[in-house]
Amino acid sequence: LLAWFPAWLKKLPRPGNWMNTLKKWLSLPMFATVAWLGWVLWLQLSPTSATPAAQVAEGKWQPWDEAAIANLVSQGKPVFVDFTAAWCVSCQANKRLVLNTETVDNAFTAKNVTLMRADWTKQDPKITDALKSLGRSGVPVYVLHRPGKSPLVLPEVLAAGIVNEALATL
């Protein structure tokens, strides 16, 4: 921008002590990133049972199981699958801002939807095959398995309205 508008150079503050203060403040996001990447590395190197997402300790969410999905759908019950990974920032944002909200939780409950989470943190080959069968090569992927209909793949970035529209197709 400064190359296009060189007059803006006059409006920039002069070097001084403020730059040291700014440098210290800008280091905080860097340290946070290092801590997050360390946590992701720990998840990658730890035993499967230590992975929080694998434990699916979030109440209503069950571990992903293809056979269970087929069984539930054959019984006329819808299943929503969240293909996710601990290192996936979009996945974490969608969980926090959409999937784990009261509005979406109430919508799932109203439609009696079974919730499953496929943890791809360690790139499980079975989950990789399931993603390929859906025409996807990575996460996030959200799929609503509907009785008597083909699975509905939702967009990678979710909103409550998108989930509600998908549930309206049941």
N, C-alpha and C. Protein backbone atom coordinates (compact mmCIF):
# COMPACT_ATOMS: atom_id res chain seq x y z
N LEU A 1 0.83 -1.20 0.00
CA LEU A 1 0.00 0.00 0.00
C LEU A 1 0.86 1.25 0.00
N LEU A 2 1.98 1.19 0.75
CA LEU A 2 2.84 2.36 0.80
C LEU A 2 3.50 2.64 -0.55
N ALA A 3 3.73 1.58 -1.33
CA ALA A 3 4.31 1.78 -2.67
C ALA A 3 3.30 2.49 -3.58
N TRP A 4 2.02 2.19 -3.41
CA TRP A 4 0.99 2.82 -4.23
C TRP A 4 0.67 4.24 -3.74
N PHE A 5 0.77 4.42 -2.42
CA PHE A 5 0.44 5.72 -1.82
C PHE A 5 1.62 6.21 -0.98
N PRO A 6 2.69 6.66 -1.61
CA PRO A 6 3.89 7.07 -0.87
C PRO A 6 3.65 8.23 0.10
N ALA A 7 2.63 9.01 -0.10
CA ALA A 7 2.34 10.12 0.81
C ALA A 7 2.01 9.60 2.21
N TRP A 8 1.54 8.36 2.31
CA TRP A 8 1.20 7.77 3.61
C TRP A 8 2.43 7.59 4.48
N LEU A 9 3.62 7.55 3.88
CA LEU A 9 4.86 7.39 4.65
C LEU A 9 5.01 8.51 5.69
N LYS A 10 4.52 9.69 5.36
CA LYS A 10 4.62 10.82 6.29
C LYS A 10 3.76 10.62 7.53
N LYS A 11 2.73 9.77 7.42
CA LYS A 11 1.82 9.56 8.55
C LYS A 11 2.28 8.44 9.49
N LEU A 12 3.29 7.69 9.08
CA LEU A 12 3.80 6.61 9.93
C LEU A 12 4.57 7.20 11.11
N PRO A 13 4.43 6.60 12.30
CA PRO A 13 5.20 7.11 13.45
C PRO A 13 6.69 6.83 13.27
N ARG A 14 7.50 7.66 13.88
CA ARG A 14 8.94 7.51 13.81
C ARG A 14 9.39 6.36 14.72
N PRO A 15 10.50 5.70 14.39
CA PRO A 15 11.00 4.64 15.26
C PRO A 15 11.26 5.18 16.67
N GLY A 16 11.06 4.28 17.63
CA GLY A 16 11.29 4.69 19.01
C GLY A 16 10.99 3.55 19.97
N ASN A 17 10.85 3.89 21.23
CA ASN A 17 10.62 2.89 22.28
C ASN A 17 9.30 2.15 22.10
N TRP A 18 8.33 2.80 21.45
CA TRP A 18 7.03 2.16 21.22
C TRP A 18 7.19 0.86 20.43
N MET A 19 8.22 0.79 19.59
CA MET A 19 8.43 -0.42 18.78
C MET A 19 8.80 -1.62 19.66
N ASN A 20 9.55 -1.38 20.73
CA ASN A 20 9.88 -2.47 21.66
C ASN A 20 8.64 -2.97 22.38
N THR A 21 7.78 -2.05 22.77
CA THR A 21 6.52 -2.44 23.41
C THR A 21 5.65 -3.24 22.45
N LEU A 22 5.54 -2.77 21.21
CA LEU A 22 4.76 -3.49 20.19
C LEU A 22 5.32 -4.88 19.95
N LYS A 23 6.64 -4.98 19.89
CA LYS A 23 7.30 -6.26 19.66
C LYS A 23 6.94 -7.26 20.78
N LYS A 24 6.91 -6.78 22.02
CA LYS A 24 6.57 -7.66 23.15
C LYS A 24 5.12 -8.12 23.06
N TRP A 25 4.21 -7.22 22.69
CA TRP A 25 2.80 -7.59 22.57
C TRP A 25 2.57 -8.58 21.42
N LEU A 26 3.29 -8.35 20.32
CA LEU A 26 3.13 -9.25 19.18
C LEU A 26 3.75 -10.62 19.42
N SER A 27 4.60 -10.74 20.43
CA SER A 27 5.17 -12.05 20.75
C SER A 27 4.15 -12.96 21.41
N LEU A 28 3.13 -12.40 22.04
CA LEU A 28 2.12 -13.23 22.73
C LEU A 28 1.40 -14.19 21.79
N PRO A 29 0.90 -13.73 20.63
CA PRO A 29 0.28 -14.69 19.71
C PRO A 29 1.27 -15.76 19.22
N MET A 30 2.53 -15.38 19.10
CA MET A 30 3.55 -16.36 18.67
C MET A 30 3.71 -17.45 19.74
N PHE A 31 3.80 -17.04 21.01
CA PHE A 31 3.93 -18.02 22.08
C PHE A 31 2.68 -18.90 22.17
N ALA A 32 1.51 -18.31 21.97
CA ALA A 32 0.27 -19.09 21.97
C ALA A 32 0.27 -20.12 20.84
N THR A 33 0.77 -19.72 19.69
CA THR A 33 0.86 -20.64 18.55
C THR A 33 1.81 -21.79 18.85
N VAL A 34 2.93 -21.48 19.45
CA VAL A 34 3.90 -22.53 19.82
C VAL A 34 3.27 -23.50 20.82
N ALA A 35 2.54 -22.98 21.80
CA ALA A 35 1.88 -23.85 22.78
C ALA A 35 0.85 -24.75 22.10
N TRP A 36 0.06 -24.18 21.19
CA TRP A 36 -0.95 -24.96 20.48
C TRP A 36 -0.29 -26.04 19.62
N LEU A 37 0.76 -25.68 18.89
CA LEU A 37 1.45 -26.67 18.05
C LEU A 37 2.10 -27.75 18.91
N GLY A 38 2.59 -27.40 20.09
CA GLY A 38 3.13 -28.40 21.02
C GLY A 38 2.05 -29.38 21.45
N TRP A 39 0.85 -28.85 21.73
CA TRP A 39 -0.27 -29.71 22.12
C TRP A 39 -0.65 -30.65 20.97
N VAL A 40 -0.69 -30.11 19.75
CA VAL A 40 -1.01 -30.94 18.59
C VAL A 40 0.04 -32.03 18.41
N LEU A 41 1.31 -31.68 18.57
CA LEU A 41 2.37 -32.68 18.46
C LEU A 41 2.21 -33.75 19.53
N TRP A 42 1.87 -33.34 20.75
CA TRP A 42 1.66 -34.31 21.83
C TRP A 42 0.50 -35.26 21.46
N LEU A 43 -0.57 -34.72 20.88
CA LEU A 43 -1.69 -35.57 20.46
C LEU A 43 -1.26 -36.56 19.38
N GLN A 44 -0.40 -36.10 18.47
CA GLN A 44 0.06 -36.96 17.38
C GLN A 44 0.93 -38.10 17.91
N LEU A 45 1.73 -37.84 18.94
CA LEU A 45 2.68 -38.82 19.44
C LEU A 45 2.16 -39.67 20.59
N SER A 46 1.06 -39.26 21.20
CA SER A 46 0.52 -39.98 22.35
C SER A 46 -0.29 -41.19 21.92
N PRO A 47 -0.51 -42.14 22.86
CA PRO A 47 -1.36 -43.28 22.53
C PRO A 47 -2.78 -42.83 22.18
N THR A 48 -3.48 -43.61 21.37
CA THR A 48 -4.83 -43.26 20.91
C THR A 48 -5.76 -42.96 22.07
N SER A 49 -5.68 -43.73 23.14
CA SER A 49 -6.61 -43.54 24.26
C SER A 49 -6.42 -42.20 24.95
N ALA A 50 -5.26 -41.56 24.76
CA ALA A 50 -5.01 -40.27 25.40
C ALA A 50 -5.57 -39.10 24.60
N THR A 51 -6.03 -39.35 23.40
CA THR A 51 -6.54 -38.28 22.56
C THR A 51 -7.92 -37.86 23.05
N PRO A 52 -8.08 -36.60 23.47
CA PRO A 52 -9.37 -36.16 23.98
C PRO A 52 -10.51 -36.36 22.99
N ALA A 53 -10.27 -36.07 21.70
CA ALA A 53 -11.34 -36.23 20.72
C ALA A 53 -11.73 -37.69 20.56
N ALA A 54 -10.77 -38.61 20.72
CA ALA A 54 -11.07 -40.03 20.59
C ALA A 54 -11.95 -40.51 21.74
N GLN A 55 -11.79 -39.87 22.89
CA GLN A 55 -12.60 -40.26 24.04
C GLN A 55 -14.03 -39.75 23.91
N VAL A 56 -14.24 -38.77 23.05
CA VAL A 56 -15.54 -38.15 22.81
C VAL A 56 -16.25 -37.89 24.14
N ALA A 57 -15.58 -37.09 24.93
CA ALA A 57 -16.10 -36.78 26.26
C ALA A 57 -17.04 -35.59 26.24
N GLU A 58 -17.70 -35.36 25.13
CA GLU A 58 -18.57 -34.19 25.02
C GLU A 58 -20.04 -34.55 25.14
N GLY A 59 -20.36 -35.49 25.97
CA GLY A 59 -21.75 -35.80 26.26
C GLY A 59 -22.45 -36.62 25.20
N LYS A 60 -23.20 -35.96 24.33
CA LYS A 60 -24.08 -36.65 23.38
C LYS A 60 -23.34 -37.25 22.19
N TRP A 61 -22.10 -36.88 21.97
CA TRP A 61 -21.36 -37.35 20.81
C TRP A 61 -20.80 -38.75 21.07
N GLN A 62 -21.01 -39.62 20.10
CA GLN A 62 -20.50 -40.99 20.18
C GLN A 62 -19.32 -41.13 19.22
N PRO A 63 -18.45 -42.11 19.48
CA PRO A 63 -17.36 -42.35 18.52
C PRO A 63 -17.93 -42.84 17.19
N TRP A 64 -17.32 -42.45 16.11
CA TRP A 64 -17.74 -42.83 14.76
C TRP A 64 -17.63 -44.33 14.57
N ASP A 65 -18.68 -44.90 13.98
CA ASP A 65 -18.72 -46.34 13.72
C ASP A 65 -19.60 -46.55 12.49
N GLU A 66 -18.97 -46.95 11.38
CA GLU A 66 -19.70 -47.11 10.11
C GLU A 66 -20.84 -48.12 10.23
N ALA A 67 -20.57 -49.23 10.91
CA ALA A 67 -21.60 -50.27 11.07
C ALA A 67 -22.79 -49.73 11.87
N ALA A 68 -22.50 -48.96 12.91
CA ALA A 68 -23.58 -48.39 13.73
C ALA A 68 -24.40 -47.39 12.92
N ILE A 69 -23.73 -46.63 12.05
CA ILE A 69 -24.45 -45.67 11.20
C ILE A 69 -25.42 -46.42 10.29
N ALA A 70 -24.92 -47.45 9.63
CA ALA A 70 -25.77 -48.24 8.72
C ALA A 70 -26.94 -48.84 9.48
N ASN A 71 -26.70 -49.33 10.67
CA ASN A 71 -27.75 -49.94 11.48
C ASN A 71 -28.80 -48.90 11.89
N LEU A 72 -28.35 -47.74 12.36
CA LEU A 72 -29.29 -46.70 12.78
C LEU A 72 -30.13 -46.19 11.61
N VAL A 73 -29.48 -45.96 10.47
CA VAL A 73 -30.20 -45.45 9.30
C VAL A 73 -31.22 -46.49 8.82
N SER A 74 -30.85 -47.77 8.87
CA SER A 74 -31.80 -48.82 8.46
C SER A 74 -33.00 -48.90 9.39
N GLN A 75 -32.83 -48.44 10.61
CA GLN A 75 -33.94 -48.39 11.58
C GLN A 75 -34.75 -47.08 11.46
N GLY A 76 -34.38 -46.24 10.50
CA GLY A 76 -35.11 -44.99 10.30
C GLY A 76 -34.62 -43.83 11.15
N LYS A 77 -33.42 -43.96 11.71
CA LYS A 77 -32.89 -42.90 12.58
C LYS A 77 -31.78 -42.14 11.86
N PRO A 78 -31.85 -40.81 11.86
CA PRO A 78 -30.80 -40.02 11.23
C PRO A 78 -29.53 -39.96 12.09
N VAL A 79 -28.39 -39.81 11.40
CA VAL A 79 -27.10 -39.73 12.09
C VAL A 79 -26.31 -38.57 11.50
N PHE A 80 -25.79 -37.72 12.37
CA PHE A 80 -24.94 -36.61 11.96
C PHE A 80 -23.51 -36.96 12.35
N VAL A 81 -22.59 -36.89 11.37
CA VAL A 81 -21.19 -37.23 11.63
C VAL A 81 -20.33 -35.99 11.45
N ASP A 82 -19.51 -35.74 12.45
CA ASP A 82 -18.53 -34.65 12.44
C ASP A 82 -17.15 -35.28 12.24
N PHE A 83 -16.61 -35.18 11.01
CA PHE A 83 -15.24 -35.62 10.74
C PHE A 83 -14.33 -34.47 11.15
N THR A 84 -13.49 -34.70 12.14
CA THR A 84 -12.73 -33.62 12.75
C THR A 84 -11.32 -34.06 13.10
N ALA A 85 -10.50 -33.13 13.54
CA ALA A 85 -9.16 -33.41 14.05
C ALA A 85 -8.78 -32.32 15.03
N ALA A 86 -7.98 -32.68 16.01
CA ALA A 86 -7.58 -31.72 17.04
C ALA A 86 -6.78 -30.57 16.45
N TRP A 87 -6.04 -30.83 15.38
CA TRP A 87 -5.18 -29.80 14.77
C TRP A 87 -5.93 -28.94 13.76
N CYS A 88 -7.18 -29.23 13.50
CA CYS A 88 -7.96 -28.51 12.50
C CYS A 88 -8.63 -27.28 13.14
N VAL A 89 -8.15 -26.11 12.77
CA VAL A 89 -8.67 -24.87 13.35
C VAL A 89 -10.13 -24.64 12.95
N SER A 90 -10.47 -24.90 11.70
CA SER A 90 -11.86 -24.73 11.24
C SER A 90 -12.80 -25.67 12.00
N CYS A 91 -12.33 -26.89 12.25
CA CYS A 91 -13.14 -27.85 13.00
C CYS A 91 -13.45 -27.33 14.40
N GLN A 92 -12.41 -26.81 15.06
CA GLN A 92 -12.59 -26.31 16.43
C GLN A 92 -13.51 -25.10 16.45
N ALA A 93 -13.38 -24.24 15.46
CA ALA A 93 -14.26 -23.06 15.38
C ALA A 93 -15.71 -23.48 15.16
N ASN A 94 -15.94 -24.44 14.25
CA ASN A 94 -17.30 -24.92 13.99
C ASN A 94 -17.91 -25.58 15.23
N LYS A 95 -17.10 -26.33 15.98
CA LYS A 95 -17.60 -26.94 17.21
C LYS A 95 -18.04 -25.87 18.20
N ARG A 96 -17.15 -24.92 18.41
CA ARG A 96 -17.41 -23.89 19.42
C ARG A 96 -18.55 -22.95 19.03
N LEU A 97 -18.58 -22.53 17.78
CA LEU A 97 -19.54 -21.51 17.37
C LEU A 97 -20.87 -22.06 16.86
N VAL A 98 -20.90 -23.36 16.49
CA VAL A 98 -22.13 -23.91 15.91
C VAL A 98 -22.56 -25.21 16.60
N LEU A 99 -21.73 -26.24 16.47
CA LEU A 99 -22.16 -27.58 16.91
C LEU A 99 -22.42 -27.68 18.41
N ASN A 100 -21.66 -26.96 19.22
CA ASN A 100 -21.83 -27.06 20.67
C ASN A 100 -22.70 -25.94 21.24
N THR A 101 -23.56 -25.37 20.40
CA THR A 101 -24.46 -24.33 20.88
C THR A 101 -25.81 -24.94 21.26
N GLU A 102 -26.51 -24.24 22.11
CA GLU A 102 -27.81 -24.73 22.58
C GLU A 102 -28.82 -24.81 21.43
N THR A 103 -28.77 -23.85 20.52
CA THR A 103 -29.71 -23.83 19.39
C THR A 103 -29.57 -25.08 18.53
N VAL A 104 -28.34 -25.39 18.14
CA VAL A 104 -28.11 -26.56 17.28
C VAL A 104 -28.36 -27.85 18.06
N ASP A 105 -27.96 -27.87 19.32
CA ASP A 105 -28.21 -29.06 20.15
C ASP A 105 -29.71 -29.32 20.25
N ASN A 106 -30.51 -28.28 20.44
CA ASN A 106 -31.97 -28.45 20.51
C ASN A 106 -32.53 -28.94 19.19
N ALA A 107 -31.97 -28.47 18.07
CA ALA A 107 -32.43 -28.92 16.76
C ALA A 107 -32.14 -30.40 16.55
N PHE A 108 -30.93 -30.84 16.94
CA PHE A 108 -30.60 -32.26 16.85
C PHE A 108 -31.52 -33.09 17.73
N THR A 109 -31.78 -32.63 18.94
CA THR A 109 -32.65 -33.35 19.87
C THR A 109 -34.07 -33.44 19.33
N ALA A 110 -34.57 -32.35 18.77
CA ALA A 110 -35.94 -32.32 18.24
C ALA A 110 -36.12 -33.32 17.10
N LYS A 111 -35.07 -33.53 16.32
CA LYS A 111 -35.15 -34.47 15.19
C LYS A 111 -34.63 -35.87 15.56
N ASN A 112 -34.28 -36.06 16.83
CA ASN A 112 -33.79 -37.36 17.32
C ASN A 112 -32.59 -37.86 16.50
N VAL A 113 -31.62 -36.97 16.31
CA VAL A 113 -30.44 -37.28 15.51
C VAL A 113 -29.35 -37.85 16.41
N THR A 114 -28.79 -38.97 16.00
CA THR A 114 -27.64 -39.53 16.71
C THR A 114 -26.40 -38.78 16.23
N LEU A 115 -25.57 -38.35 17.18
CA LEU A 115 -24.38 -37.57 16.86
C LEU A 115 -23.13 -38.43 17.00
N MET A 116 -22.30 -38.43 15.94
CA MET A 116 -21.06 -39.20 15.96
C MET A 116 -19.91 -38.30 15.55
N ARG A 117 -18.76 -38.57 16.15
CA ARG A 117 -17.57 -37.80 15.84
C ARG A 117 -16.47 -38.74 15.37
N ALA A 118 -15.96 -38.48 14.16
CA ALA A 118 -14.86 -39.26 13.58
C ALA A 118 -13.57 -38.46 13.77
N ASP A 119 -12.72 -38.91 14.68
CA ASP A 119 -11.49 -38.19 15.02
C ASP A 119 -10.36 -38.61 14.08
N TRP A 120 -9.96 -37.68 13.23
CA TRP A 120 -8.92 -37.93 12.23
C TRP A 120 -7.60 -37.31 12.64
N THR A 121 -7.43 -37.06 13.94
CA THR A 121 -6.21 -36.42 14.45
C THR A 121 -4.97 -37.19 14.01
N LYS A 122 -5.03 -38.52 14.07
CA LYS A 122 -3.89 -39.35 13.67
C LYS A 122 -4.09 -39.96 12.29
N GLN A 123 -5.01 -39.43 11.54
CA GLN A 123 -5.31 -39.86 10.17
C GLN A 123 -5.56 -41.37 10.08
N ASP A 124 -6.54 -41.82 10.85
CA ASP A 124 -6.98 -43.20 10.86
C ASP A 124 -7.35 -43.63 9.43
N PRO A 125 -6.80 -44.76 8.94
CA PRO A 125 -7.07 -45.20 7.57
C PRO A 125 -8.56 -45.45 7.28
N LYS A 126 -9.31 -45.93 8.27
CA LYS A 126 -10.75 -46.16 8.06
C LYS A 126 -11.48 -44.84 7.83
N ILE A 127 -11.09 -43.83 8.60
CA ILE A 127 -11.72 -42.52 8.43
C ILE A 127 -11.28 -41.91 7.10
N THR A 128 -10.02 -42.13 6.72
CA THR A 128 -9.54 -41.65 5.42
C THR A 128 -10.36 -42.24 4.29
N ASP A 129 -10.64 -43.55 4.36
CA ASP A 129 -11.46 -44.22 3.34
C ASP A 129 -12.88 -43.64 3.32
N ALA A 130 -13.43 -43.37 4.51
CA ALA A 130 -14.78 -42.80 4.58
C ALA A 130 -14.80 -41.41 3.95
N LEU A 131 -13.76 -40.62 4.22
CA LEU A 131 -13.67 -39.29 3.62
C LEU A 131 -13.58 -39.38 2.10
N LYS A 132 -12.77 -40.32 1.60
CA LYS A 132 -12.63 -40.50 0.15
C LYS A 132 -13.96 -40.90 -0.48
N SER A 133 -14.72 -41.76 0.22
CA SER A 133 -16.01 -42.19 -0.32
C SER A 133 -17.01 -41.02 -0.41
N LEU A 134 -16.75 -39.98 0.38
CA LEU A 134 -17.59 -38.78 0.34
C LEU A 134 -17.04 -37.74 -0.64
N GLY A 135 -15.93 -38.08 -1.31
CA GLY A 135 -15.32 -37.15 -2.25
C GLY A 135 -14.50 -36.07 -1.57
N ARG A 136 -14.03 -36.32 -0.36
CA ARG A 136 -13.25 -35.35 0.39
C ARG A 136 -11.88 -35.93 0.73
N SER A 137 -10.92 -35.07 0.94
CA SER A 137 -9.57 -35.54 1.26
C SER A 137 -9.07 -35.00 2.59
N GLY A 138 -9.89 -34.27 3.30
CA GLY A 138 -9.47 -33.72 4.58
C GLY A 138 -10.67 -33.27 5.39
N VAL A 139 -10.38 -32.73 6.56
CA VAL A 139 -11.41 -32.25 7.45
C VAL A 139 -11.40 -30.73 7.48
N PRO A 140 -12.50 -30.10 7.84
CA PRO A 140 -13.73 -30.64 8.38
C PRO A 140 -14.69 -31.15 7.31
N VAL A 141 -15.42 -32.18 7.68
CA VAL A 141 -16.50 -32.70 6.84
C VAL A 141 -17.66 -33.00 7.77
N TYR A 142 -18.83 -32.59 7.37
CA TYR A 142 -20.05 -32.82 8.16
C TYR A 142 -21.06 -33.53 7.27
N VAL A 143 -21.57 -34.66 7.75
CA VAL A 143 -22.47 -35.47 6.94
C VAL A 143 -23.72 -35.82 7.74
N LEU A 144 -24.86 -35.59 7.12
CA LEU A 144 -26.13 -36.01 7.71
C LEU A 144 -26.61 -37.24 6.95
N HIS A 145 -26.59 -38.38 7.64
CA HIS A 145 -27.10 -39.63 7.06
C HIS A 145 -28.59 -39.67 7.32
N ARG A 146 -29.36 -39.73 6.21
CA ARG A 146 -30.82 -39.65 6.29
C ARG A 146 -31.44 -40.97 5.85
N PRO A 147 -32.36 -41.48 6.63
CA PRO A 147 -33.03 -42.73 6.25
C PRO A 147 -33.75 -42.58 4.91
N GLY A 148 -33.50 -43.52 4.00
CA GLY A 148 -34.16 -43.53 2.70
C GLY A 148 -33.62 -42.52 1.71
N LYS A 149 -32.58 -41.79 2.07
CA LYS A 149 -32.01 -40.78 1.18
C LYS A 149 -30.48 -40.92 1.20
N SER A 150 -29.86 -40.30 0.22
CA SER A 150 -28.39 -40.32 0.20
C SER A 150 -27.86 -39.39 1.29
N PRO A 151 -26.64 -39.66 1.77
CA PRO A 151 -26.06 -38.78 2.79
C PRO A 151 -25.90 -37.36 2.26
N LEU A 152 -26.14 -36.40 3.11
CA LEU A 152 -26.03 -34.99 2.76
C LEU A 152 -24.74 -34.44 3.36
N VAL A 153 -23.82 -34.01 2.49
CA VAL A 153 -22.55 -33.42 2.94
C VAL A 153 -22.75 -31.92 3.07
N LEU A 154 -22.48 -31.39 4.25
CA LEU A 154 -22.64 -29.98 4.52
C LEU A 154 -21.36 -29.22 4.19
N PRO A 155 -21.44 -27.90 4.09
CA PRO A 155 -20.24 -27.10 3.80
C PRO A 155 -19.21 -27.19 4.94
N GLU A 156 -17.98 -26.83 4.62
CA GLU A 156 -16.91 -26.90 5.61
C GLU A 156 -17.05 -25.85 6.70
N VAL A 157 -17.60 -24.71 6.37
CA VAL A 157 -17.85 -23.67 7.36
C VAL A 157 -19.33 -23.69 7.68
N LEU A 158 -19.64 -23.96 8.94
CA LEU A 158 -21.03 -24.13 9.34
C LEU A 158 -21.62 -22.87 9.96
N ALA A 159 -22.94 -22.84 9.93
CA ALA A 159 -23.73 -21.85 10.65
C ALA A 159 -24.98 -22.60 11.13
N ALA A 160 -25.61 -22.10 12.15
CA ALA A 160 -26.80 -22.76 12.69
C ALA A 160 -27.86 -22.93 11.61
N GLY A 161 -28.01 -21.93 10.75
CA GLY A 161 -29.00 -21.99 9.68
C GLY A 161 -28.72 -23.12 8.70
N ILE A 162 -27.46 -23.37 8.40
CA ILE A 162 -27.09 -24.46 7.50
C ILE A 162 -27.47 -25.80 8.09
N VAL A 163 -27.18 -25.97 9.38
CA VAL A 163 -27.54 -27.23 10.07
C VAL A 163 -29.05 -27.39 10.10
N ASN A 164 -29.77 -26.31 10.39
CA ASN A 164 -31.25 -26.38 10.42
C ASN A 164 -31.83 -26.71 9.05
N GLU A 165 -31.26 -26.14 7.99
CA GLU A 165 -31.73 -26.46 6.64
C GLU A 165 -31.50 -27.94 6.33
N ALA A 166 -30.35 -28.46 6.75
CA ALA A 166 -30.07 -29.89 6.52
C ALA A 166 -31.06 -30.76 7.29
N LEU A 167 -31.34 -30.39 8.52
CA LEU A 167 -32.27 -31.17 9.33
C LEU A 167 -33.69 -31.10 8.78
N ALA A 168 -34.02 -30.04 8.08
CA ALA A 168 -35.35 -29.90 7.48
C ALA A 168 -35.56 -30.90 6.35
N THR A 169 -34.47 -31.50 5.83
CA THR A 169 -34.58 -32.47 4.74
C THR A 169 -34.92 -33.87 5.27
N LEU A 170 -34.99 -34.03 6.58
CA LEU A 170 -35.29 -35.36 7.15
C LEU A 170 -36.77 -35.70 6.96
